[in-house]
Amino acid sequence: MTQIQAIHSRAEEAGKNKRYRENFDIATSRAVANLSTLAEYLLPFVKQEGRVIAMKGPAIKEELEQSQKAIKVLGGKIKTIDTFCLPKSDIERNIVIIQKEQQTPAKYPRKPGTPAKEPIK
């Protein structure tokens, strides 16, 4: 694979950078933040029709409900949720796939620290 790029930066800063903003097909994460905050971190990187892929734990129902507004405001829509157990265990995980349908408003992501302290509600 030659079309993979790793970026070392705060998401809130790189998400404002024209070099990275709405420039990727996929943005992914594992064990980073609640889904509202995570959407603000990742959706600014994804181009329209791209996807955010987030690995989440077993207690996903409430988190999905609390993130609906943020995902919509940021231009996304939950496309699928796949539930599975980790191999050789009964530990449940969920993969949440968010489809980017519209551009993310320019004011997002907000300044460093704000998405985690004050998620979009």
PDB file of N, CA and C in Angstrom:
ATOM      1  N   MET A   1       0.839  -1.182   0.000  1.00  0.00           N
ATOM      2  CA  MET A   1       0.000   0.000   0.000  1.00  0.00           C
ATOM      3  C   MET A   1       0.884   1.244   0.000  1.00  0.00           C
ATOM      4  N   THR A   2       0.647   2.075  -0.958  1.00  0.00           N
ATOM      5  CA  THR A   2       1.469   3.274  -1.075  1.00  0.00           C
ATOM      6  C   THR A   2       0.698   4.555  -0.815  1.00  0.00           C
ATOM      7  N   GLN A   3      -0.608   4.469  -0.645  1.00  0.00           N
ATOM      8  CA  GLN A   3      -1.407   5.672  -0.487  1.00  0.00           C
ATOM      9  C   GLN A   3      -1.885   5.855   0.950  1.00  0.00           C
ATOM     10  N   ILE A   4      -1.031   5.538   1.907  1.00  0.00           N
ATOM     11  CA  ILE A   4      -1.335   5.709   3.322  1.00  0.00           C
ATOM     12  C   ILE A   4      -0.433   6.802   3.864  1.00  0.00           C
ATOM     13  N   GLN A   5      -1.005   7.654   4.699  1.00  0.00           N
ATOM     14  CA  GLN A   5      -0.232   8.749   5.254  1.00  0.00           C
ATOM     15  C   GLN A   5      -0.522   8.861   6.744  1.00  0.00           C
ATOM     16  N   ALA A   6       0.520   8.875   7.553  1.00  0.00           N
ATOM     17  CA  ALA A   6       0.379   9.089   8.988  1.00  0.00           C
ATOM     18  C   ALA A   6       0.723  10.546   9.289  1.00  0.00           C
ATOM     19  N   ILE A   7      -0.096  11.185  10.113  1.00  0.00           N
ATOM     20  CA  ILE A   7       0.113  12.594  10.454  1.00  0.00           C
ATOM     21  C   ILE A   7       0.235  12.694  11.960  1.00  0.00           C
ATOM     22  N   HIS A   8       1.307  13.307  12.444  1.00  0.00           N
ATOM     23  CA  HIS A   8       1.496  13.494  13.876  1.00  0.00           C
ATOM     24  C   HIS A   8       1.149  14.944  14.216  1.00  0.00           C
ATOM     25  N   SER A   9      -0.044  15.138  14.781  1.00  0.00           N
ATOM     26  CA  SER A   9      -0.520  16.482  15.100  1.00  0.00           C
ATOM     27  C   SER A   9      -1.769  16.351  15.953  1.00  0.00           C
ATOM     28  N   ARG A  10      -2.113  17.403  16.648  1.00  0.00           N
ATOM     29  CA  ARG A  10      -3.419  17.438  17.307  1.00  0.00           C
ATOM     30  C   ARG A  10      -4.471  17.509  16.210  1.00  0.00           C
ATOM     31  N   ALA A  11      -5.515  16.734  16.347  1.00  0.00           N
ATOM     32  CA  ALA A  11      -6.583  16.711  15.347  1.00  0.00           C
ATOM     33  C   ALA A  11      -7.210  18.090  15.180  1.00  0.00           C
ATOM     34  N   GLU A  12      -7.343  18.825  16.287  1.00  0.00           N
ATOM     35  CA  GLU A  12      -7.971  20.139  16.217  1.00  0.00           C
ATOM     36  C   GLU A  12      -7.148  21.116  15.372  1.00  0.00           C
ATOM     37  N   GLU A  13      -5.846  20.929  15.313  1.00  0.00           N
ATOM     38  CA  GLU A  13      -4.984  21.811  14.513  1.00  0.00           C
ATOM     39  C   GLU A  13      -4.881  21.319  13.071  1.00  0.00           C
ATOM     40  N   ALA A  14      -4.618  20.055  12.877  1.00  0.00           N
ATOM     41  CA  ALA A  14      -4.489  19.511  11.524  1.00  0.00           C
ATOM     42  C   ALA A  14      -5.812  19.573  10.765  1.00  0.00           C
ATOM     43  N   GLY A  15      -6.931  19.490  11.478  1.00  0.00           N
ATOM     44  CA  GLY A  15      -8.237  19.547  10.838  1.00  0.00           C
ATOM     45  C   GLY A  15      -8.570  20.900  10.244  1.00  0.00           C
ATOM     46  N   LYS A  16      -7.819  21.927  10.598  1.00  0.00           N
ATOM     47  CA  LYS A  16      -7.980  23.266  10.021  1.00  0.00           C
ATOM     48  C   LYS A  16      -7.004  23.504   8.857  1.00  0.00           C
ATOM     49  N   ASN A  17      -5.993  22.657   8.754  1.00  0.00           N
ATOM     50  CA  ASN A  17      -4.947  22.801   7.744  1.00  0.00           C
ATOM     51  C   ASN A  17      -5.491  22.405   6.372  1.00  0.00           C
ATOM     52  N   LYS A  18      -5.407  23.291   5.379  1.00  0.00           N
ATOM     53  CA  LYS A  18      -5.939  23.027   4.040  1.00  0.00           C
ATOM     54  C   LYS A  18      -5.299  21.805   3.390  1.00  0.00           C
ATOM     55  N   ARG A  19      -4.109  21.463   3.798  1.00  0.00           N
ATOM     56  CA  ARG A  19      -3.424  20.283   3.246  1.00  0.00           C
ATOM     57  C   ARG A  19      -4.141  18.988   3.641  1.00  0.00           C
ATOM     58  N   TYR A  20      -4.784  18.985   4.798  1.00  0.00           N
ATOM     59  CA  TYR A  20      -5.423  17.780   5.311  1.00  0.00           C
ATOM     60  C   TYR A  20      -6.948  17.829   5.319  1.00  0.00           C
ATOM     61  N   ARG A  21      -7.491  19.020   5.411  1.00  0.00           N
ATOM     62  CA  ARG A  21      -8.946  19.156   5.589  1.00  0.00           C
ATOM     63  C   ARG A  21      -9.703  18.615   4.379  1.00  0.00           C
ATOM     64  N   GLU A  22     -10.661  17.726   4.658  1.00  0.00           N
ATOM     65  CA  GLU A  22     -11.526  17.125   3.654  1.00  0.00           C
ATOM     66  C   GLU A  22     -10.725  16.584   2.473  1.00  0.00           C
ATOM     67  N   ASN A  23      -9.649  15.883   2.813  1.00  0.00           N
ATOM     68  CA  ASN A  23      -8.722  15.390   1.799  1.00  0.00           C
ATOM     69  C   ASN A  23      -8.566  13.870   1.815  1.00  0.00           C
ATOM     70  N   PHE A  24      -9.230  13.168   2.726  1.00  0.00           N
ATOM     71  CA  PHE A  24      -9.009  11.735   2.882  1.00  0.00           C
ATOM     72  C   PHE A  24     -10.295  10.942   2.678  1.00  0.00           C
ATOM     73  N   ASP A  25     -10.140   9.725   2.185  1.00  0.00           N
ATOM     74  CA  ASP A  25     -11.282   8.831   1.990  1.00  0.00           C
ATOM     75  C   ASP A  25     -11.751   8.238   3.308  1.00  0.00           C
ATOM     76  N   ILE A  26     -10.806   7.949   4.207  1.00  0.00           N
ATOM     77  CA  ILE A  26     -11.106   7.282   5.474  1.00  0.00           C
ATOM     78  C   ILE A  26     -10.286   7.917   6.593  1.00  0.00           C
ATOM     79  N   ALA A  27     -10.917   8.081   7.731  1.00  0.00           N
ATOM     80  CA  ALA A  27     -10.221   8.436   8.972  1.00  0.00           C
ATOM     81  C   ALA A  27     -10.684   7.415  10.007  1.00  0.00           C
ATOM     82  N   THR A  28      -9.758   6.904  10.804  1.00  0.00           N
ATOM     83  CA  THR A  28     -10.107   5.848  11.747  1.00  0.00           C
ATOM     84  C   THR A  28      -9.491   6.105  13.112  1.00  0.00           C
ATOM     85  N   SER A  29     -10.057   5.429  14.111  1.00  0.00           N
ATOM     86  CA  SER A  29      -9.536   5.578  15.466  1.00  0.00           C
ATOM     87  C   SER A  29      -9.927   4.367  16.288  1.00  0.00           C
ATOM     88  N   ARG A  30      -9.272   4.257  17.419  1.00  0.00           N
ATOM     89  CA  ARG A  30      -9.594   3.218  18.393  1.00  0.00           C
ATOM     90  C   ARG A  30      -9.309   3.777  19.774  1.00  0.00           C
ATOM     91  N   ALA A  31     -10.295   3.733  20.668  1.00  0.00           N
ATOM     92  CA  ALA A  31     -10.137   4.142  22.071  1.00  0.00           C
ATOM     93  C   ALA A  31      -9.589   5.558  22.219  1.00  0.00           C
ATOM     94  N   VAL A  32     -10.258   6.520  21.568  1.00  0.00           N
ATOM     95  CA  VAL A  32      -9.795   7.909  21.618  1.00  0.00           C
ATOM     96  C   VAL A  32     -10.702   8.783  22.476  1.00  0.00           C
ATOM     97  N   ALA A  33     -11.997   8.773  22.188  1.00  0.00           N
ATOM     98  CA  ALA A  33     -12.921   9.698  22.853  1.00  0.00           C
ATOM     99  C   ALA A  33     -14.353   9.211  22.634  1.00  0.00           C
ATOM    100  N   ASN A  34     -15.306   9.889  23.290  1.00  0.00           N
ATOM    101  CA  ASN A  34     -16.708   9.573  23.011  1.00  0.00           C
ATOM    102  C   ASN A  34     -17.004   9.934  21.557  1.00  0.00           C
ATOM    103  N   LEU A  35     -18.077   9.398  21.018  1.00  0.00           N
ATOM    104  CA  LEU A  35     -18.359   9.526  19.593  1.00  0.00           C
ATOM    105  C   LEU A  35     -18.597  10.971  19.153  1.00  0.00           C
ATOM    106  N   SER A  36     -19.193  11.804  19.993  1.00  0.00           N
ATOM    107  CA  SER A  36     -19.387  13.222  19.642  1.00  0.00           C
ATOM    108  C   SER A  36     -18.049  13.920  19.440  1.00  0.00           C
ATOM    109  N   THR A  37     -17.153  13.724  20.385  1.00  0.00           N
ATOM    110  CA  THR A  37     -15.818  14.331  20.308  1.00  0.00           C
ATOM    111  C   THR A  37     -15.042  13.746  19.147  1.00  0.00           C
ATOM    112  N   LEU A  38     -15.109  12.449  19.001  1.00  0.00           N
ATOM    113  CA  LEU A  38     -14.397  11.764  17.926  1.00  0.00           C
ATOM    114  C   LEU A  38     -14.845  12.252  16.556  1.00  0.00           C
ATOM    115  N   ALA A  39     -16.147  12.471  16.395  1.00  0.00           N
ATOM    116  CA  ALA A  39     -16.653  12.990  15.126  1.00  0.00           C
ATOM    117  C   ALA A  39     -16.051  14.360  14.820  1.00  0.00           C
ATOM    118  N   GLU A  40     -15.915  15.188  15.844  1.00  0.00           N
ATOM    119  CA  GLU A  40     -15.317  16.517  15.629  1.00  0.00           C
ATOM    120  C   GLU A  40     -13.837  16.408  15.296  1.00  0.00           C
ATOM    121  N   TYR A  41     -13.167  15.423  15.847  1.00  0.00           N
ATOM    122  CA  TYR A  41     -11.759  15.207  15.518  1.00  0.00           C
ATOM    123  C   TYR A  41     -11.588  14.697  14.084  1.00  0.00           C
ATOM    124  N   LEU A  42     -12.425  13.761  13.652  1.00  0.00           N
ATOM    125  CA  LEU A  42     -12.169  13.034  12.408  1.00  0.00           C
ATOM    126  C   LEU A  42     -12.930  13.516  11.179  1.00  0.00           C
ATOM    127  N   LEU A  43     -14.189  13.916  11.317  1.00  0.00           N
ATOM    128  CA  LEU A  43     -14.951  14.301  10.132  1.00  0.00           C
ATOM    129  C   LEU A  43     -14.328  15.451   9.334  1.00  0.00           C
ATOM    130  N   PRO A  44     -13.653  16.426   9.950  1.00  0.00           N
ATOM    131  CA  PRO A  44     -13.022  17.471   9.136  1.00  0.00           C
ATOM    132  C   PRO A  44     -11.949  16.951   8.165  1.00  0.00           C
ATOM    133  N   PHE A  45     -11.386  15.786   8.420  1.00  0.00           N
ATOM    134  CA  PHE A  45     -10.354  15.223   7.545  1.00  0.00           C
ATOM    135  C   PHE A  45     -10.928  14.506   6.327  1.00  0.00           C
ATOM    136  N   VAL A  46     -12.187  14.079   6.417  1.00  0.00           N
ATOM    137  CA  VAL A  46     -12.768  13.194   5.418  1.00  0.00           C
ATOM    138  C   VAL A  46     -13.480  13.994   4.336  1.00  0.00           C
ATOM    139  N   LYS A  47     -13.229  13.623   3.063  1.00  0.00           N
ATOM    140  CA  LYS A  47     -13.926  14.271   1.963  1.00  0.00           C
ATOM    141  C   LYS A  47     -15.366  13.767   1.882  1.00  0.00           C
ATOM    142  N   GLN A  48     -16.205  14.488   1.166  1.00  0.00           N
ATOM    143  CA  GLN A  48     -17.591  14.053   1.009  1.00  0.00           C
ATOM    144  C   GLN A  48     -17.616  12.662   0.389  1.00  0.00           C
ATOM    145  N   GLU A  49     -18.515  11.835   0.892  1.00  0.00           N
ATOM    146  CA  GLU A  49     -18.656  10.423   0.540  1.00  0.00           C
ATOM    147  C   GLU A  49     -17.563   9.550   1.172  1.00  0.00           C
ATOM    148  N   GLY A  50     -16.659  10.153   1.937  1.00  0.00           N
ATOM    149  CA  GLY A  50     -15.673   9.388   2.686  1.00  0.00           C
ATOM    150  C   GLY A  50     -16.291   8.848   3.959  1.00  0.00           C
ATOM    151  N   ARG A  51     -15.461   8.143   4.743  1.00  0.00           N
ATOM    152  CA  ARG A  51     -15.989   7.497   5.948  1.00  0.00           C
ATOM    153  C   ARG A  51     -15.068   7.679   7.146  1.00  0.00           C
ATOM    154  N   VAL A  52     -15.697   7.762   8.297  1.00  0.00           N
ATOM    155  CA  VAL A  52     -15.013   7.661   9.584  1.00  0.00           C
ATOM    156  C   VAL A  52     -15.317   6.260  10.098  1.00  0.00           C
ATOM    157  N   ILE A  53     -14.276   5.547  10.513  1.00  0.00           N
ATOM    158  CA  ILE A  53     -14.440   4.201  11.062  1.00  0.00           C
ATOM    159  C   ILE A  53     -13.918   4.232  12.486  1.00  0.00           C
ATOM    160  N   ALA A  54     -14.820   3.973  13.432  1.00  0.00           N
ATOM    161  CA  ALA A  54     -14.469   4.072  14.851  1.00  0.00           C
ATOM    162  C   ALA A  54     -14.722   2.750  15.557  1.00  0.00           C
ATOM    163  N   MET A  55     -13.714   2.251  16.260  1.00  0.00           N
ATOM    164  CA  MET A  55     -13.895   1.061  17.086  1.00  0.00           C
ATOM    165  C   MET A  55     -14.338   1.520  18.470  1.00  0.00           C
ATOM    166  N   LYS A  56     -15.473   0.992  18.902  1.00  0.00           N
ATOM    167  CA  LYS A  56     -16.043   1.371  20.185  1.00  0.00           C
ATOM    168  C   LYS A  56     -16.299   0.127  21.024  1.00  0.00           C
ATOM    169  N   GLY A  57     -16.479   0.327  22.309  1.00  0.00           N
ATOM    170  CA  GLY A  57     -16.731  -0.761  23.243  1.00  0.00           C
ATOM    171  C   GLY A  57     -18.148  -1.285  23.159  1.00  0.00           C
ATOM    172  N   PRO A  58     -18.554  -2.091  24.132  1.00  0.00           N
ATOM    173  CA  PRO A  58     -19.868  -2.729  24.083  1.00  0.00           C
ATOM    174  C   PRO A  58     -21.044  -1.812  24.413  1.00  0.00           C
ATOM    175  N   ALA A  59     -20.857  -0.811  25.243  1.00  0.00           N
ATOM    176  CA  ALA A  59     -21.956   0.069  25.674  1.00  0.00           C
ATOM    177  C   ALA A  59     -22.114   1.223  24.688  1.00  0.00           C
ATOM    178  N   ILE A  60     -22.654   0.933  23.527  1.00  0.00           N
ATOM    179  CA  ILE A  60     -22.674   1.906  22.446  1.00  0.00           C
ATOM    180  C   ILE A  60     -24.004   2.658  22.313  1.00  0.00           C
ATOM    181  N   LYS A  61     -25.102   2.091  22.809  1.00  0.00           N
ATOM    182  CA  LYS A  61     -26.426   2.669  22.566  1.00  0.00           C
ATOM    183  C   LYS A  61     -26.543   4.125  23.026  1.00  0.00           C
ATOM    184  N   GLU A  62     -26.186   4.388  24.279  1.00  0.00           N
ATOM    185  CA  GLU A  62     -26.293   5.749  24.811  1.00  0.00           C
ATOM    186  C   GLU A  62     -25.338   6.707  24.084  1.00  0.00           C
ATOM    187  N   GLU A  63     -24.151   6.227  23.795  1.00  0.00           N
ATOM    188  CA  GLU A  63     -23.163   7.061  23.097  1.00  0.00           C
ATOM    189  C   GLU A  63     -23.662   7.432  21.699  1.00  0.00           C
ATOM    190  N   LEU A  64     -24.311   6.505  21.015  1.00  0.00           N
ATOM    191  CA  LEU A  64     -24.882   6.792  19.694  1.00  0.00           C
ATOM    192  C   LEU A  64     -25.956   7.862  19.795  1.00  0.00           C
ATOM    193  N   GLU A  65     -26.827   7.738  20.790  1.00  0.00           N
ATOM    194  CA  GLU A  65     -27.898   8.718  20.974  1.00  0.00           C
ATOM    195  C   GLU A  65     -27.330  10.105  21.252  1.00  0.00           C
ATOM    196  N   GLN A  66     -26.306  10.182  22.092  1.00  0.00           N
ATOM    197  CA  GLN A  66     -25.716  11.470  22.468  1.00  0.00           C
ATOM    198  C   GLN A  66     -24.894  12.103  21.347  1.00  0.00           C
ATOM    199  N   SER A  67     -24.509  11.329  20.351  1.00  0.00           N
ATOM    200  CA  SER A  67     -23.650  11.854  19.285  1.00  0.00           C
ATOM    201  C   SER A  67     -24.412  12.247  18.023  1.00  0.00           C
ATOM    202  N   GLN A  68     -25.701  11.955  17.956  1.00  0.00           N
ATOM    203  CA  GLN A  68     -26.470  12.200  16.730  1.00  0.00           C
ATOM    204  C   GLN A  68     -26.362  13.646  16.242  1.00  0.00           C
ATOM    205  N   LYS A  69     -26.567  14.606  17.136  1.00  0.00           N
ATOM    206  CA  LYS A  69     -26.530  16.014  16.722  1.00  0.00           C
ATOM    207  C   LYS A  69     -25.142  16.402  16.228  1.00  0.00           C
ATOM    208  N   ALA A  70     -24.109  16.007  16.962  1.00  0.00           N
ATOM    209  CA  ALA A  70     -22.745  16.359  16.564  1.00  0.00           C
ATOM    210  C   ALA A  70     -22.415  15.808  15.183  1.00  0.00           C
ATOM    211  N   ILE A  71     -22.755  14.569  14.953  1.00  0.00           N
ATOM    212  CA  ILE A  71     -22.452  13.946  13.659  1.00  0.00           C
ATOM    213  C   ILE A  71     -23.173  14.687  12.539  1.00  0.00           C
ATOM    214  N   LYS A  72     -24.424  15.043  12.757  1.00  0.00           N
ATOM    215  CA  LYS A  72     -25.180  15.778  11.737  1.00  0.00           C
ATOM    216  C   LYS A  72     -24.594  17.165  11.489  1.00  0.00           C
ATOM    217  N   VAL A  73     -24.315  17.905  12.568  1.00  0.00           N
ATOM    218  CA  VAL A  73     -23.742  19.253  12.455  1.00  0.00           C
ATOM    219  C   VAL A  73     -22.421  19.225  11.682  1.00  0.00           C
ATOM    220  N   LEU A  74     -21.649  18.168  11.879  1.00  0.00           N
ATOM    221  CA  LEU A  74     -20.326  18.044  11.257  1.00  0.00           C
ATOM    222  C   LEU A  74     -20.382  17.479   9.841  1.00  0.00           C
ATOM    223  N   GLY A  75     -21.587  17.183   9.348  1.00  0.00           N
ATOM    224  CA  GLY A  75     -21.754  16.748   7.960  1.00  0.00           C
ATOM    225  C   GLY A  75     -21.842  15.249   7.759  1.00  0.00           C
ATOM    226  N   GLY A  76     -21.985  14.491   8.840  1.00  0.00           N
ATOM    227  CA  GLY A  76     -21.995  13.039   8.713  1.00  0.00           C
ATOM    228  C   GLY A  76     -23.330  12.401   9.026  1.00  0.00           C
ATOM    229  N   LYS A  77     -23.380  11.095   8.776  1.00  0.00           N
ATOM    230  CA  LYS A  77     -24.549  10.284   9.092  1.00  0.00           C
ATOM    231  C   LYS A  77     -24.048   8.872   9.403  1.00  0.00           C
ATOM    232  N   ILE A  78     -24.579   8.280  10.467  1.00  0.00           N
ATOM    233  CA  ILE A  78     -24.174   6.912  10.799  1.00  0.00           C
ATOM    234  C   ILE A  78     -24.694   5.991   9.706  1.00  0.00           C
ATOM    235  N   LYS A  79     -23.763   5.263   9.117  1.00  0.00           N
ATOM    236  CA  LYS A  79     -24.115   4.355   8.020  1.00  0.00           C
ATOM    237  C   LYS A  79     -24.359   2.948   8.541  1.00  0.00           C
ATOM    238  N   THR A  80     -23.415   2.412   9.322  1.00  0.00           N
ATOM    239  CA  THR A  80     -23.577   1.060   9.859  1.00  0.00           C
ATOM    240  C   THR A  80     -22.917   0.951  11.225  1.00  0.00           C
ATOM    241  N   ILE A  81     -23.393  -0.029  11.970  1.00  0.00           N
ATOM    242  CA  ILE A  81     -22.780  -0.401  13.242  1.00  0.00           C
ATOM    243  C   ILE A  81     -22.641  -1.918  13.206  1.00  0.00           C
ATOM    244  N   ASP A  82     -21.427  -2.399  13.250  1.00  0.00           N
ATOM    245  CA  ASP A  82     -21.169  -3.839  13.237  1.00  0.00           C
ATOM    246  C   ASP A  82     -20.684  -4.257  14.613  1.00  0.00           C
ATOM    247  N   THR A  83     -21.375  -5.237  15.197  1.00  0.00           N
ATOM    248  CA  THR A  83     -21.027  -5.751  16.514  1.00  0.00           C
ATOM    249  C   THR A  83     -20.352  -7.106  16.344  1.00  0.00           C
ATOM    250  N   PHE A  84     -19.282  -7.335  17.105  1.00  0.00           N
ATOM    251  CA  PHE A  84     -18.561  -8.602  17.033  1.00  0.00           C
ATOM    252  C   PHE A  84     -17.868  -8.875  18.360  1.00  0.00           C
ATOM    253  N   CYS A  85     -17.389 -10.085  18.534  1.00  0.00           N
ATOM    254  CA  CYS A  85     -16.583 -10.437  19.707  1.00  0.00           C
ATOM    255  C   CYS A  85     -15.136 -10.581  19.274  1.00  0.00           C
ATOM    256  N   LEU A  86     -14.246 -10.110  20.130  1.00  0.00           N
ATOM    257  CA  LEU A  86     -12.823 -10.263  19.842  1.00  0.00           C
ATOM    258  C   LEU A  86     -12.491 -11.754  19.749  1.00  0.00           C
ATOM    259  N   PRO A  87     -11.559 -12.130  18.872  1.00  0.00           N
ATOM    260  CA  PRO A  87     -11.205 -13.543  18.710  1.00  0.00           C
ATOM    261  C   PRO A  87     -10.798 -14.198  20.030  1.00  0.00           C
ATOM    262  N   LYS A  88     -11.244 -15.416  20.203  1.00  0.00           N
ATOM    263  CA  LYS A  88     -10.914 -16.243  21.368  1.00  0.00           C
ATOM    264  C   LYS A  88     -11.348 -15.601  22.689  1.00  0.00           C
ATOM    265  N   SER A  89     -12.457 -14.856  22.641  1.00  0.00           N
ATOM    266  CA  SER A  89     -12.978 -14.221  23.860  1.00  0.00           C
ATOM    267  C   SER A  89     -14.465 -13.965  23.685  1.00  0.00           C
ATOM    268  N   ASP A  90     -15.092 -13.479  24.740  1.00  0.00           N
ATOM    269  CA  ASP A  90     -16.483 -13.038  24.640  1.00  0.00           C
ATOM    270  C   ASP A  90     -16.579 -11.522  24.824  1.00  0.00           C
ATOM    271  N   ILE A  91     -15.478 -10.830  24.558  1.00  0.00           N
ATOM    272  CA  ILE A  91     -15.422  -9.375  24.691  1.00  0.00           C
ATOM    273  C   ILE A  91     -16.034  -8.738  23.446  1.00  0.00           C
ATOM    274  N   GLU A  92     -17.123  -7.994  23.660  1.00  0.00           N
ATOM    275  CA  GLU A  92     -17.855  -7.387  22.558  1.00  0.00           C
ATOM    276  C   GLU A  92     -17.269  -6.028  22.165  1.00  0.00           C
ATOM    277  N   ARG A  93     -17.262  -5.769  20.873  1.00  0.00           N
ATOM    278  CA  ARG A  93     -16.823  -4.490  20.327  1.00  0.00           C
ATOM    279  C   ARG A  93     -17.790  -4.081  19.217  1.00  0.00           C
ATOM    280  N   ASN A  94     -17.772  -2.807  18.878  1.00  0.00           N
ATOM    281  CA  ASN A  94     -18.600  -2.269  17.802  1.00  0.00           C
ATOM    282  C   ASN A  94     -17.736  -1.444  16.859  1.00  0.00           C
ATOM    283  N   ILE A  95     -17.985  -1.596  15.597  1.00  0.00           N
ATOM    284  CA  ILE A  95     -17.368  -0.740  14.585  1.00  0.00           C
ATOM    285  C   ILE A  95     -18.472   0.181  14.077  1.00  0.00           C
ATOM    286  N   VAL A  96     -18.289   1.479  14.274  1.00  0.00           N
ATOM    287  CA  VAL A  96     -19.258   2.478  13.826  1.00  0.00           C
ATOM    288  C   VAL A  96     -18.695   3.129  12.572  1.00  0.00           C
ATOM    289  N   ILE A  97     -19.481   3.101  11.507  1.00  0.00           N
ATOM    290  CA  ILE A  97     -19.058   3.732  10.258  1.00  0.00           C
ATOM    291  C   ILE A  97     -19.960   4.929  10.005  1.00  0.00           C
ATOM    292  N   ILE A  98     -19.321   6.090   9.885  1.00  0.00           N
ATOM    293  CA  ILE A  98     -20.024   7.348   9.628  1.00  0.00           C
ATOM    294  C   ILE A  98     -19.702   7.781   8.205  1.00  0.00           C
ATOM    295  N   GLN A  99     -20.717   8.012   7.413  1.00  0.00           N
ATOM    296  CA  GLN A  99     -20.565   8.481   6.033  1.00  0.00           C
ATOM    297  C   GLN A  99     -20.591  10.005   6.039  1.00  0.00           C
ATOM    298  N   LYS A 100     -19.650  10.624   5.361  1.00  0.00           N
ATOM    299  CA  LYS A 100     -19.643  12.089   5.259  1.00  0.00           C
ATOM    300  C   LYS A 100     -20.528  12.492   4.087  1.00  0.00           C
ATOM    301  N   GLU A 101     -21.584  13.256   4.381  1.00  0.00           N
ATOM    302  CA  GLU A 101     -22.551  13.657   3.357  1.00  0.00           C
ATOM    303  C   GLU A 101     -22.421  15.117   2.933  1.00  0.00           C
ATOM    304  N   GLN A 102     -21.908  15.947   3.835  1.00  0.00           N
ATOM    305  CA  GLN A 102     -21.775  17.383   3.552  1.00  0.00           C
ATOM    306  C   GLN A 102     -20.455  17.881   4.099  1.00  0.00           C
ATOM    307  N   GLN A 103     -20.026  19.038   3.608  1.00  0.00           N
ATOM    308  CA  GLN A 103     -18.811  19.640   4.155  1.00  0.00           C
ATOM    309  C   GLN A 103     -18.994  19.943   5.632  1.00  0.00           C
ATOM    310  N   THR A 104     -17.911  19.822   6.368  1.00  0.00           N
ATOM    311  CA  THR A 104     -17.909  20.203   7.776  1.00  0.00           C
ATOM    312  C   THR A 104     -17.821  21.726   7.851  1.00  0.00           C
ATOM    313  N   PRO A 105     -18.676  22.374   8.631  1.00  0.00           N
ATOM    314  CA  PRO A 105     -18.589  23.833   8.764  1.00  0.00           C
ATOM    315  C   PRO A 105     -17.182  24.279   9.175  1.00  0.00           C
ATOM    316  N   ALA A 106     -16.743  25.409   8.653  1.00  0.00           N
ATOM    317  CA  ALA A 106     -15.378  25.897   8.854  1.00  0.00           C
ATOM    318  C   ALA A 106     -15.008  26.100  10.326  1.00  0.00           C
ATOM    319  N   LYS A 107     -15.971  26.334  11.194  1.00  0.00           N
ATOM    320  CA  LYS A 107     -15.633  26.578  12.597  1.00  0.00           C
ATOM    321  C   LYS A 107     -15.220  25.313  13.344  1.00  0.00           C
ATOM    322  N   TYR A 108     -15.346  24.143  12.699  1.00  0.00           N
ATOM    323  CA  TYR A 108     -14.943  22.878  13.317  1.00  0.00           C
ATOM    324  C   TYR A 108     -13.703  22.324  12.636  1.00  0.00           C
ATOM    325  N   PRO A 109     -12.815  21.704  13.359  1.00  0.00           N
ATOM    326  CA  PRO A 109     -12.851  21.493  14.800  1.00  0.00           C
ATOM    327  C   PRO A 109     -12.533  22.785  15.549  1.00  0.00           C
ATOM    328  N   ARG A 110     -13.033  22.849  16.763  1.00  0.00           N
ATOM    329  CA  ARG A 110     -12.762  24.003  17.615  1.00  0.00           C
ATOM    330  C   ARG A 110     -11.355  23.914  18.183  1.00  0.00           C
ATOM    331  N   LYS A 111     -10.937  24.921  18.939  1.00  0.00           N
ATOM    332  CA  LYS A 111      -9.561  24.992  19.438  1.00  0.00           C
ATOM    333  C   LYS A 111      -9.211  23.766  20.306  1.00  0.00           C
ATOM    334  N   PRO A 112      -7.926  23.440  20.393  1.00  0.00           N
ATOM    335  CA  PRO A 112      -7.493  22.250  21.146  1.00  0.00           C
ATOM    336  C   PRO A 112      -8.088  22.181  22.552  1.00  0.00           C
ATOM    337  N   GLY A 113      -8.600  21.004  22.865  1.00  0.00           N
ATOM    338  CA  GLY A 113      -9.177  20.753  24.181  1.00  0.00           C
ATOM    339  C   GLY A 113     -10.676  20.977  24.252  1.00  0.00           C
ATOM    340  N   THR A 114     -11.214  21.863  23.431  1.00  0.00           N
ATOM    341  CA  THR A 114     -12.631  22.200  23.494  1.00  0.00           C
ATOM    342  C   THR A 114     -13.547  21.029  23.132  1.00  0.00           C
ATOM    343  N   PRO A 115     -13.274  20.269  22.055  1.00  0.00           N
ATOM    344  CA  PRO A 115     -14.183  19.161  21.727  1.00  0.00           C
ATOM    345  C   PRO A 115     -14.349  18.155  22.862  1.00  0.00           C
ATOM    346  N   ALA A 116     -13.290  17.875  23.575  1.00  0.00           N
ATOM    347  CA  ALA A 116     -13.375  16.908  24.687  1.00  0.00           C
ATOM    348  C   ALA A 116     -14.087  17.508  25.902  1.00  0.00           C
ATOM    349  N   LYS A 117     -13.842  18.795  26.175  1.00  0.00           N
ATOM    350  CA  LYS A 117     -14.436  19.430  27.347  1.00  0.00           C
ATOM    351  C   LYS A 117     -15.900  19.809  27.121  1.00  0.00           C
ATOM    352  N   GLU A 118     -16.227  20.194  25.892  1.00  0.00           N
ATOM    353  CA  GLU A 118     -17.566  20.670  25.552  1.00  0.00           C
ATOM    354  C   GLU A 118     -18.058  20.023  24.260  1.00  0.00           C
ATOM    355  N   PRO A 119     -18.385  18.719  24.303  1.00  0.00           N
ATOM    356  CA  PRO A 119     -18.863  18.067  23.063  1.00  0.00           C
ATOM    357  C   PRO A 119     -20.119  18.740  22.525  1.00  0.00           C
ATOM    358  N   ILE A 120     -20.295  18.703  21.239  1.00  0.00           N
ATOM    359  CA  ILE A 120     -21.501  19.247  20.594  1.00  0.00           C
ATOM    360  C   ILE A 120     -22.689  18.437  21.077  1.00  0.00           C
ATOM    361  N   LYS A 121     -23.718  19.127  21.570  1.00  0.00           N
ATOM    362  CA  LYS A 121     -24.932  18.442  22.068  1.00  0.00           C
ATOM    363  C   LYS A 121     -26.160  18.950  21.389  1.00  0.00           C
TER     364      LYS A 121
END
